[in-house]
């Protein structure tokens, strides 16, 4: 399964990236994210592992996601799996 999301905002890429790259703020702008943080370290980068706790349709789950690429301030790609889905 592959998910792709796109959103247009009237801010500079650097401003948007400052919100997106601060994992502690994801719950402020994402309607499904309850908490997002790095498992280890303090710098988001390729190889980082994120712990993402989210709720969809009243079901809360936690996913560990590995950052596979990051190109500031434009792209971040990660992979993760849960319940047989990846």
PDB file of N, CA and C in Angstrom:
ATOM      1  N   UNK A   1       0.843  -1.165   0.000  1.00  0.00           N
ATOM      2  CA  UNK A   1       0.000   0.000   0.000  1.00  0.00           C
ATOM      3  C   UNK A   1       0.890   1.230   0.000  1.00  0.00           C
ATOM      4  N   UNK A   2       0.539   2.215  -0.767  1.00  0.00           N
ATOM      5  CA  UNK A   2       1.316   3.445  -0.828  1.00  0.00           C
ATOM      6  C   UNK A   2       0.360   4.610  -0.648  1.00  0.00           C
ATOM      7  N   UNK A   3       0.706   5.526   0.238  1.00  0.00           N
ATOM      8  CA  UNK A   3      -0.092   6.714   0.468  1.00  0.00           C
ATOM      9  C   UNK A   3       0.681   7.921  -0.013  1.00  0.00           C
ATOM     10  N   UNK A   4      -0.024   8.838  -0.591  1.00  0.00           N
ATOM     11  CA  UNK A   4       0.582  10.069  -1.067  1.00  0.00           C
ATOM     12  C   UNK A   4      -0.329  11.211  -0.643  1.00  0.00           C
ATOM     13  N   UNK A   5       0.252  12.234  -0.087  1.00  0.00           N
ATOM     14  CA  UNK A   5      -0.549  13.385   0.334  1.00  0.00           C
ATOM     15  C   UNK A   5       0.093  14.654  -0.185  1.00  0.00           C
ATOM     16  N   UNK A   6      -0.750  15.584  -0.563  1.00  0.00           N
ATOM     17  CA  UNK A   6      -0.266  16.850  -1.078  1.00  0.00           C
ATOM     18  C   UNK A   6      -1.191  17.940  -0.570  1.00  0.00           C
ATOM     19  N   UNK A   7      -0.614  19.061  -0.168  1.00  0.00           N
ATOM     20  CA  UNK A   7      -1.381  20.171   0.360  1.00  0.00           C
ATOM     21  C   UNK A   7      -0.727  21.458  -0.100  1.00  0.00           C
ATOM     22  N   UNK A   8      -1.517  22.385  -0.558  1.00  0.00           N
ATOM     23  CA  UNK A   8      -0.995  23.676  -0.998  1.00  0.00           C
ATOM     24  C   UNK A   8      -1.312  24.725   0.058  1.00  0.00           C
ATOM     25  N   UNK A   9      -0.292  25.468   0.467  1.00  0.00           N
ATOM     26  CA  UNK A   9      -0.460  26.544   1.440  1.00  0.00           C
ATOM     27  C   UNK A   9       0.250  27.787   0.915  1.00  0.00           C
ATOM     28  N   UNK A  10      -0.201  28.924   1.376  1.00  0.00           N
ATOM     29  CA  UNK A  10       0.393  30.180   0.924  1.00  0.00           C
ATOM     30  C   UNK A  10       1.498  30.616   1.881  1.00  0.00           C
ATOM     31  N   UNK A  11       2.526  29.804   1.975  1.00  0.00           N
ATOM     32  CA  UNK A  11       3.709  30.105   2.782  1.00  0.00           C
ATOM     33  C   UNK A  11       4.931  29.663   1.998  1.00  0.00           C
ATOM     34  N   UNK A  12       6.072  30.154   2.378  1.00  0.00           N
ATOM     35  CA  UNK A  12       7.306  29.747   1.708  1.00  0.00           C
ATOM     36  C   UNK A  12       7.631  28.298   2.060  1.00  0.00           C
ATOM     37  N   UNK A  13       8.343  27.590   1.180  1.00  0.00           N
ATOM     38  CA  UNK A  13       8.751  26.218   1.513  1.00  0.00           C
ATOM     39  C   UNK A  13       9.513  26.150   2.849  1.00  0.00           C
ATOM     40  N   UNK A  14      10.337  27.132   3.136  1.00  0.00           N
ATOM     41  CA  UNK A  14      11.097  27.121   4.396  1.00  0.00           C
ATOM     42  C   UNK A  14      10.183  27.200   5.614  1.00  0.00           C
ATOM     43  N   UNK A  15       9.125  28.006   5.526  1.00  0.00           N
ATOM     44  CA  UNK A  15       8.175  28.118   6.647  1.00  0.00           C
ATOM     45  C   UNK A  15       7.424  26.816   6.840  1.00  0.00           C
ATOM     46  N   UNK A  16       6.932  26.242   5.747  1.00  0.00           N
ATOM     47  CA  UNK A  16       6.208  24.965   5.835  1.00  0.00           C
ATOM     48  C   UNK A  16       7.128  23.883   6.380  1.00  0.00           C
ATOM     49  N   UNK A  17       8.361  23.835   5.892  1.00  0.00           N
ATOM     50  CA  UNK A  17       9.318  22.831   6.349  1.00  0.00           C
ATOM     51  C   UNK A  17       9.589  22.960   7.840  1.00  0.00           C
ATOM     52  N   UNK A  18       9.608  24.175   8.367  1.00  0.00           N
ATOM     53  CA  UNK A  18       9.868  24.363   9.798  1.00  0.00           C
ATOM     54  C   UNK A  18       8.789  23.689  10.637  1.00  0.00           C
ATOM     55  N   UNK A  19       7.540  23.687  10.155  1.00  0.00           N
ATOM     56  CA  UNK A  19       6.464  22.987  10.858  1.00  0.00           C
ATOM     57  C   UNK A  19       6.560  21.479  10.653  1.00  0.00           C
ATOM     58  N   UNK A  20       6.796  21.074   9.423  1.00  0.00           N
ATOM     59  CA  UNK A  20       6.804  19.652   9.089  1.00  0.00           C
ATOM     60  C   UNK A  20       7.989  18.922   9.704  1.00  0.00           C
ATOM     61  N   UNK A  21       9.140  19.564   9.771  1.00  0.00           N
ATOM     62  CA  UNK A  21      10.337  18.894  10.282  1.00  0.00           C
ATOM     63  C   UNK A  21      10.407  18.889  11.809  1.00  0.00           C
ATOM     64  N   UNK A  22       9.511  19.601  12.469  1.00  0.00           N
ATOM     65  CA  UNK A  22       9.434  19.576  13.934  1.00  0.00           C
ATOM     66  C   UNK A  22       8.371  18.550  14.314  1.00  0.00           C
ATOM     67  N   UNK A  23       8.813  17.320  14.543  1.00  0.00           N
ATOM     68  CA  UNK A  23       7.878  16.218  14.790  1.00  0.00           C
ATOM     69  C   UNK A  23       6.960  16.462  15.975  1.00  0.00           C
ATOM     70  N   UNK A  24       7.428  17.222  16.961  1.00  0.00           N
ATOM     71  CA  UNK A  24       6.603  17.480  18.145  1.00  0.00           C
ATOM     72  C   UNK A  24       5.374  18.322  17.818  1.00  0.00           C
ATOM     73  N   UNK A  25       5.337  18.951  16.631  1.00  0.00           N
ATOM     74  CA  UNK A  25       4.219  19.808  16.242  1.00  0.00           C
ATOM     75  C   UNK A  25       3.210  19.132  15.320  1.00  0.00           C
ATOM     76  N   UNK A  26       3.478  17.882  14.921  1.00  0.00           N
ATOM     77  CA  UNK A  26       2.589  17.222  13.965  1.00  0.00           C
ATOM     78  C   UNK A  26       1.140  17.173  14.439  1.00  0.00           C
ATOM     79  N   UNK A  27       0.924  16.973  15.716  1.00  0.00           N
ATOM     80  CA  UNK A  27      -0.448  16.879  16.222  1.00  0.00           C
ATOM     81  C   UNK A  27      -1.187  18.218  16.108  1.00  0.00           C
ATOM     82  N   UNK A  28      -0.473  19.312  15.925  1.00  0.00           N
ATOM     83  CA  UNK A  28      -1.109  20.625  15.766  1.00  0.00           C
ATOM     84  C   UNK A  28      -1.692  20.811  14.371  1.00  0.00           C
ATOM     85  N   UNK A  29      -1.076  20.215  13.358  1.00  0.00           N
ATOM     86  CA  UNK A  29      -1.555  20.437  11.993  1.00  0.00           C
ATOM     87  C   UNK A  29      -2.138  19.194  11.330  1.00  0.00           C
ATOM     88  N   UNK A  30      -1.908  18.004  11.882  1.00  0.00           N
ATOM     89  CA  UNK A  30      -2.439  16.776  11.294  1.00  0.00           C
ATOM     90  C   UNK A  30      -3.692  16.343  12.040  1.00  0.00           C
ATOM     91  N   UNK A  31      -4.799  16.129  11.343  1.00  0.00           N
ATOM     92  CA  UNK A  31      -6.030  15.722  12.022  1.00  0.00           C
ATOM     93  C   UNK A  31      -5.998  14.293  12.569  1.00  0.00           C
ATOM     94  N   UNK A  32      -5.041  13.450  12.147  1.00  0.00           N
ATOM     95  CA  UNK A  32      -5.004  12.068  12.630  1.00  0.00           C
ATOM     96  C   UNK A  32      -3.814  11.794  13.550  1.00  0.00           C
ATOM     97  N   UNK A  33      -2.812  12.653  13.544  1.00  0.00           N
ATOM     98  CA  UNK A  33      -1.609  12.403  14.334  1.00  0.00           C
ATOM     99  C   UNK A  33      -1.822  12.815  15.789  1.00  0.00           C
ATOM    100  N   UNK A  34      -1.572  11.895  16.707  1.00  0.00           N
ATOM    101  CA  UNK A  34      -1.666  12.180  18.126  1.00  0.00           C
ATOM    102  C   UNK A  34      -0.300  12.530  18.713  1.00  0.00           C
ATOM    103  N   UNK A  35       0.751  11.889  18.165  1.00  0.00           N
ATOM    104  CA  UNK A  35       2.111  12.147  18.640  1.00  0.00           C
ATOM    105  C   UNK A  35       3.098  11.628  17.602  1.00  0.00           C
ATOM    106  N   UNK A  36       4.165  12.371  17.405  1.00  0.00           N
ATOM    107  CA  UNK A  36       5.234  11.936  16.529  1.00  0.00           C
ATOM    108  C   UNK A  36       6.546  12.371  17.162  1.00  0.00           C
ATOM    109  N   UNK A  37       7.504  11.450  17.200  1.00  0.00           N
ATOM    110  CA  UNK A  37       8.801  11.770  17.790  1.00  0.00           C
ATOM    111  C   UNK A  37       9.860  10.852  17.209  1.00  0.00           C
ATOM    112  N   UNK A  38      11.110  11.250  17.380  1.00  0.00           N
ATOM    113  CA  UNK A  38      12.217  10.382  16.987  1.00  0.00           C
ATOM    114  C   UNK A  38      12.430   9.343  18.066  1.00  0.00           C
ATOM    115  N   UNK A  39      12.732   8.120  17.671  1.00  0.00           N
ATOM    116  CA  UNK A  39      12.998   7.052  18.635  1.00  0.00           C
ATOM    117  C   UNK A  39      14.334   7.301  19.320  1.00  0.00           C
ATOM    118  N   UNK A  40      15.321   7.757  18.540  1.00  0.00           N
ATOM    119  CA  UNK A  40      16.640   8.084  19.082  1.00  0.00           C
ATOM    120  C   UNK A  40      17.125   9.381  18.458  1.00  0.00           C
ATOM    121  N   UNK A  41      17.916  10.112  19.200  1.00  0.00           N
ATOM    122  CA  UNK A  41      18.528  11.321  18.676  1.00  0.00           C
ATOM    123  C   UNK A  41      17.581  12.502  18.629  1.00  0.00           C
ATOM    124  N   UNK A  42      18.090  13.604  18.077  1.00  0.00           N
ATOM    125  CA  UNK A  42      17.314  14.831  18.021  1.00  0.00           C
ATOM    126  C   UNK A  42      17.247  15.424  16.615  1.00  0.00           C
ATOM    127  N   UNK A  43      17.932  14.813  15.659  1.00  0.00           N
ATOM    128  CA  UNK A  43      17.994  15.361  14.304  1.00  0.00           C
ATOM    129  C   UNK A  43      17.277  14.436  13.322  1.00  0.00           C
ATOM    130  N   UNK A  44      16.316  14.982  12.603  1.00  0.00           N
ATOM    131  CA  UNK A  44      15.592  14.237  11.582  1.00  0.00           C
ATOM    132  C   UNK A  44      16.465  14.116  10.339  1.00  0.00           C
ATOM    133  N   UNK A  45      16.697  12.894   9.876  1.00  0.00           N
ATOM    134  CA  UNK A  45      17.514  12.684   8.694  1.00  0.00           C
ATOM    135  C   UNK A  45      17.347  11.273   8.168  1.00  0.00           C
ATOM    136  N   UNK A  46      17.982  10.992   7.029  1.00  0.00           N
ATOM    137  CA  UNK A  46      17.934   9.652   6.460  1.00  0.00           C
ATOM    138  C   UNK A  46      18.451   8.654   7.489  1.00  0.00           C
ATOM    139  N   UNK A  47      17.698   7.591   7.710  1.00  0.00           N
ATOM    140  CA  UNK A  47      18.046   6.591   8.709  1.00  0.00           C
ATOM    141  C   UNK A  47      17.369   6.804  10.050  1.00  0.00           C
ATOM    142  N   UNK A  48      16.798   7.991  10.281  1.00  0.00           N
ATOM    143  CA  UNK A  48      16.071   8.242  11.534  1.00  0.00           C
ATOM    144  C   UNK A  48      14.858   7.321  11.615  1.00  0.00           C
ATOM    145  N   UNK A  49      14.479   6.966  12.837  1.00  0.00           N
ATOM    146  CA  UNK A  49      13.271   6.175  13.063  1.00  0.00           C
ATOM    147  C   UNK A  49      12.294   7.038  13.847  1.00  0.00           C
ATOM    148  N   UNK A  50      11.094   7.179  13.281  1.00  0.00           N
ATOM    149  CA  UNK A  50      10.048   7.969  13.914  1.00  0.00           C
ATOM    150  C   UNK A  50       9.015   7.042  14.557  1.00  0.00           C
ATOM    151  N   UNK A  51       8.521   7.454  15.688  1.00  0.00           N
ATOM    152  CA  UNK A  51       7.404   6.796  16.335  1.00  0.00           C
ATOM    153  C   UNK A  51       6.187   7.679  16.079  1.00  0.00           C
ATOM    154  N   UNK A  52       5.209   7.141  15.329  1.00  0.00           N
ATOM    155  CA  UNK A  52       4.029   7.920  14.961  1.00  0.00           C
ATOM    156  C   UNK A  52       2.795   7.241  15.551  1.00  0.00           C
ATOM    157  N   UNK A  53       2.111   7.946  16.436  1.00  0.00           N
ATOM    158  CA  UNK A  53       0.872   7.436  17.029  1.00  0.00           C
ATOM    159  C   UNK A  53      -0.272   8.228  16.405  1.00  0.00           C
ATOM    160  N   UNK A  54      -1.202   7.519  15.778  1.00  0.00           N
ATOM    161  CA  UNK A  54      -2.299   8.203  15.110  1.00  0.00           C
ATOM    162  C   UNK A  54      -3.612   7.482  15.325  1.00  0.00           C
ATOM    163  N   UNK A  55      -4.697   8.197  15.017  1.00  0.00           N
ATOM    164  CA  UNK A  55      -6.047   7.644  15.175  1.00  0.00           C
ATOM    165  C   UNK A  55      -6.811   7.841  13.877  1.00  0.00           C
ATOM    166  N   UNK A  56      -7.346   6.734  13.366  1.00  0.00           N
ATOM    167  CA  UNK A  56      -8.197   6.759  12.181  1.00  0.00           C
ATOM    168  C   UNK A  56      -9.437   5.945  12.500  1.00  0.00           C
ATOM    169  N   UNK A  57     -10.597   6.507  12.267  1.00  0.00           N
ATOM    170  CA  UNK A  57     -11.873   5.824  12.517  1.00  0.00           C
ATOM    171  C   UNK A  57     -11.935   5.249  13.925  1.00  0.00           C
ATOM    172  N   UNK A  58     -11.544   6.044  14.898  1.00  0.00           N
ATOM    173  CA  UNK A  58     -11.565   5.681  16.324  1.00  0.00           C
ATOM    174  C   UNK A  58     -10.597   4.574  16.706  1.00  0.00           C
ATOM    175  N   UNK A  59      -9.705   4.217  15.809  1.00  0.00           N
ATOM    176  CA  UNK A  59      -8.680   3.209  16.107  1.00  0.00           C
ATOM    177  C   UNK A  59      -7.340   3.916  16.234  1.00  0.00           C
ATOM    178  N   UNK A  60      -6.713   3.739  17.393  1.00  0.00           N
ATOM    179  CA  UNK A  60      -5.412   4.345  17.652  1.00  0.00           C
ATOM    180  C   UNK A  60      -4.336   3.286  17.480  1.00  0.00           C
ATOM    181  N   UNK A  61      -3.260   3.649  16.794  1.00  0.00           N
ATOM    182  CA  UNK A  61      -2.162   2.715  16.588  1.00  0.00           C
ATOM    183  C   UNK A  61      -0.832   3.458  16.599  1.00  0.00           C
ATOM    184  N   UNK A  62       0.209   2.705  16.809  1.00  0.00           N
ATOM    185  CA  UNK A  62       1.569   3.236  16.828  1.00  0.00           C
ATOM    186  C   UNK A  62       2.363   2.539  15.728  1.00  0.00           C
ATOM    187  N   UNK A  63       3.054   3.327  14.917  1.00  0.00           N
ATOM    188  CA  UNK A  63       3.866   2.791  13.833  1.00  0.00           C
ATOM    189  C   UNK A  63       5.282   3.336  13.972  1.00  0.00           C
ATOM    190  N   UNK A  64       6.264   2.463  13.817  1.00  0.00           N
ATOM    191  CA  UNK A  64       7.651   2.900  13.724  1.00  0.00           C
ATOM    192  C   UNK A  64       7.966   3.042  12.243  1.00  0.00           C
ATOM    193  N   UNK A  65       8.458   4.199  11.844  1.00  0.00           N
ATOM    194  CA  UNK A  65       8.718   4.483  10.440  1.00  0.00           C
ATOM    195  C   UNK A  65      10.168   4.919  10.268  1.00  0.00           C
ATOM    196  N   UNK A  66      10.845   4.344   9.290  1.00  0.00           N
ATOM    197  CA  UNK A  66      12.235   4.680   8.995  1.00  0.00           C
ATOM    198  C   UNK A  66      12.285   5.685   7.849  1.00  0.00           C
ATOM    199  N   UNK A  67      13.009   6.779   8.062  1.00  0.00           N
ATOM    200  CA  UNK A  67      13.170   7.796   7.028  1.00  0.00           C
ATOM    201  C   UNK A  67      14.141   7.249   5.983  1.00  0.00           C
ATOM    202  N   UNK A  68      13.672   7.159   4.734  1.00  0.00           N
ATOM    203  CA  UNK A  68      14.507   6.618   3.662  1.00  0.00           C
ATOM    204  C   UNK A  68      15.171   7.707   2.841  1.00  0.00           C
ATOM    205  N   UNK A  69      14.565   8.895   2.801  1.00  0.00           N
ATOM    206  CA  UNK A  69      15.212  10.021   2.124  1.00  0.00           C
ATOM    207  C   UNK A  69      14.632  11.320   2.651  1.00  0.00           C
ATOM    208  N   UNK A  70      15.453  12.337   2.605  1.00  0.00           N
ATOM    209  CA  UNK A  70      15.021  13.662   3.042  1.00  0.00           C
ATOM    210  C   UNK A  70      15.741  14.683   2.172  1.00  0.00           C
ATOM    211  N   UNK A  71      14.970  15.602   1.645  1.00  0.00           N
ATOM    212  CA  UNK A  71      15.523  16.657   0.802  1.00  0.00           C
ATOM    213  C   UNK A  71      14.883  17.975   1.235  1.00  0.00           C
ATOM    214  N   UNK A  72      15.466  18.600   2.235  1.00  0.00           N
ATOM    215  CA  UNK A  72      14.946  19.843   2.798  1.00  0.00           C
ATOM    216  C   UNK A  72      15.034  20.964   1.768  1.00  0.00           C
ATOM    217  N   UNK A  73      14.053  21.785   1.626  1.00  0.00           N
ATOM    218  CA  UNK A  73      12.745  21.804   2.291  1.00  0.00           C
ATOM    219  C   UNK A  73      11.617  21.248   1.424  1.00  0.00           C
ATOM    220  N   UNK A  74      11.859  20.185   0.688  1.00  0.00           N
ATOM    221  CA  UNK A  74      10.852  19.725  -0.268  1.00  0.00           C
ATOM    222  C   UNK A  74      10.260  18.343  -0.022  1.00  0.00           C
ATOM    223  N   UNK A  75      11.071  17.358   0.343  1.00  0.00           N
ATOM    224  CA  UNK A  75      10.591  15.974   0.362  1.00  0.00           C
ATOM    225  C   UNK A  75      11.126  15.230   1.576  1.00  0.00           C
ATOM    226  N   UNK A  76      10.240  14.424   2.153  1.00  0.00           N
ATOM    227  CA  UNK A  76      10.647  13.433   3.157  1.00  0.00           C
ATOM    228  C   UNK A  76       9.893  12.150   2.813  1.00  0.00           C
ATOM    229  N   UNK A  77      10.611  11.041   2.808  1.00  0.00           N
ATOM    230  CA  UNK A  77      10.014   9.747   2.498  1.00  0.00           C
ATOM    231  C   UNK A  77      10.344   8.790   3.635  1.00  0.00           C
ATOM    232  N   UNK A  78       9.348   8.042   4.067  1.00  0.00           N
ATOM    233  CA  UNK A  78       9.589   7.049   5.102  1.00  0.00           C
ATOM    234  C   UNK A  78       8.797   5.791   4.814  1.00  0.00           C
ATOM    235  N   UNK A  79       9.225   4.698   5.446  1.00  0.00           N
ATOM    236  CA  UNK A  79       8.519   3.425   5.328  1.00  0.00           C
ATOM    237  C   UNK A  79       8.224   2.906   6.717  1.00  0.00           C
ATOM    238  N   UNK A  80       7.154   2.164   6.821  1.00  0.00           N
ATOM    239  CA  UNK A  80       6.785   1.562   8.096  1.00  0.00           C
ATOM    240  C   UNK A  80       5.768   0.471   7.839  1.00  0.00           C
ATOM    241  N   UNK A  81       5.451  -0.277   8.858  1.00  0.00           N
ATOM    242  CA  UNK A  81       4.482  -1.342   8.691  1.00  0.00           C
ATOM    243  C   UNK A  81       3.728  -1.638   9.955  1.00  0.00           C
ATOM    244  N   UNK A  82       2.517  -2.137   9.766  1.00  0.00           N
ATOM    245  CA  UNK A  82       1.664  -2.513  10.909  1.00  0.00           C
ATOM    246  C   UNK A  82       0.551  -3.395  10.383  1.00  0.00           C
ATOM    247  N   UNK A  83       0.206  -4.431  11.126  1.00  0.00           N
ATOM    248  CA  UNK A  83      -0.899  -5.330  10.779  1.00  0.00           C
ATOM    249  C   UNK A  83      -0.756  -5.932   9.380  1.00  0.00           C
ATOM    250  N   UNK A  84       0.473  -6.230   8.990  1.00  0.00           N
ATOM    251  CA  UNK A  84       0.711  -6.832   7.696  1.00  0.00           C
ATOM    252  C   UNK A  84       0.780  -5.863   6.536  1.00  0.00           C
ATOM    253  N   UNK A  85       0.566  -4.597   6.793  1.00  0.00           N
ATOM    254  CA  UNK A  85       0.665  -3.562   5.747  1.00  0.00           C
ATOM    255  C   UNK A  85       1.998  -2.860   5.872  1.00  0.00           C
ATOM    256  N   UNK A  86       2.541  -2.461   4.757  1.00  0.00           N
ATOM    257  CA  UNK A  86       3.794  -1.688   4.822  1.00  0.00           C
ATOM    258  C   UNK A  86       3.750  -0.562   3.824  1.00  0.00           C
TER     259      UNK A  86
END
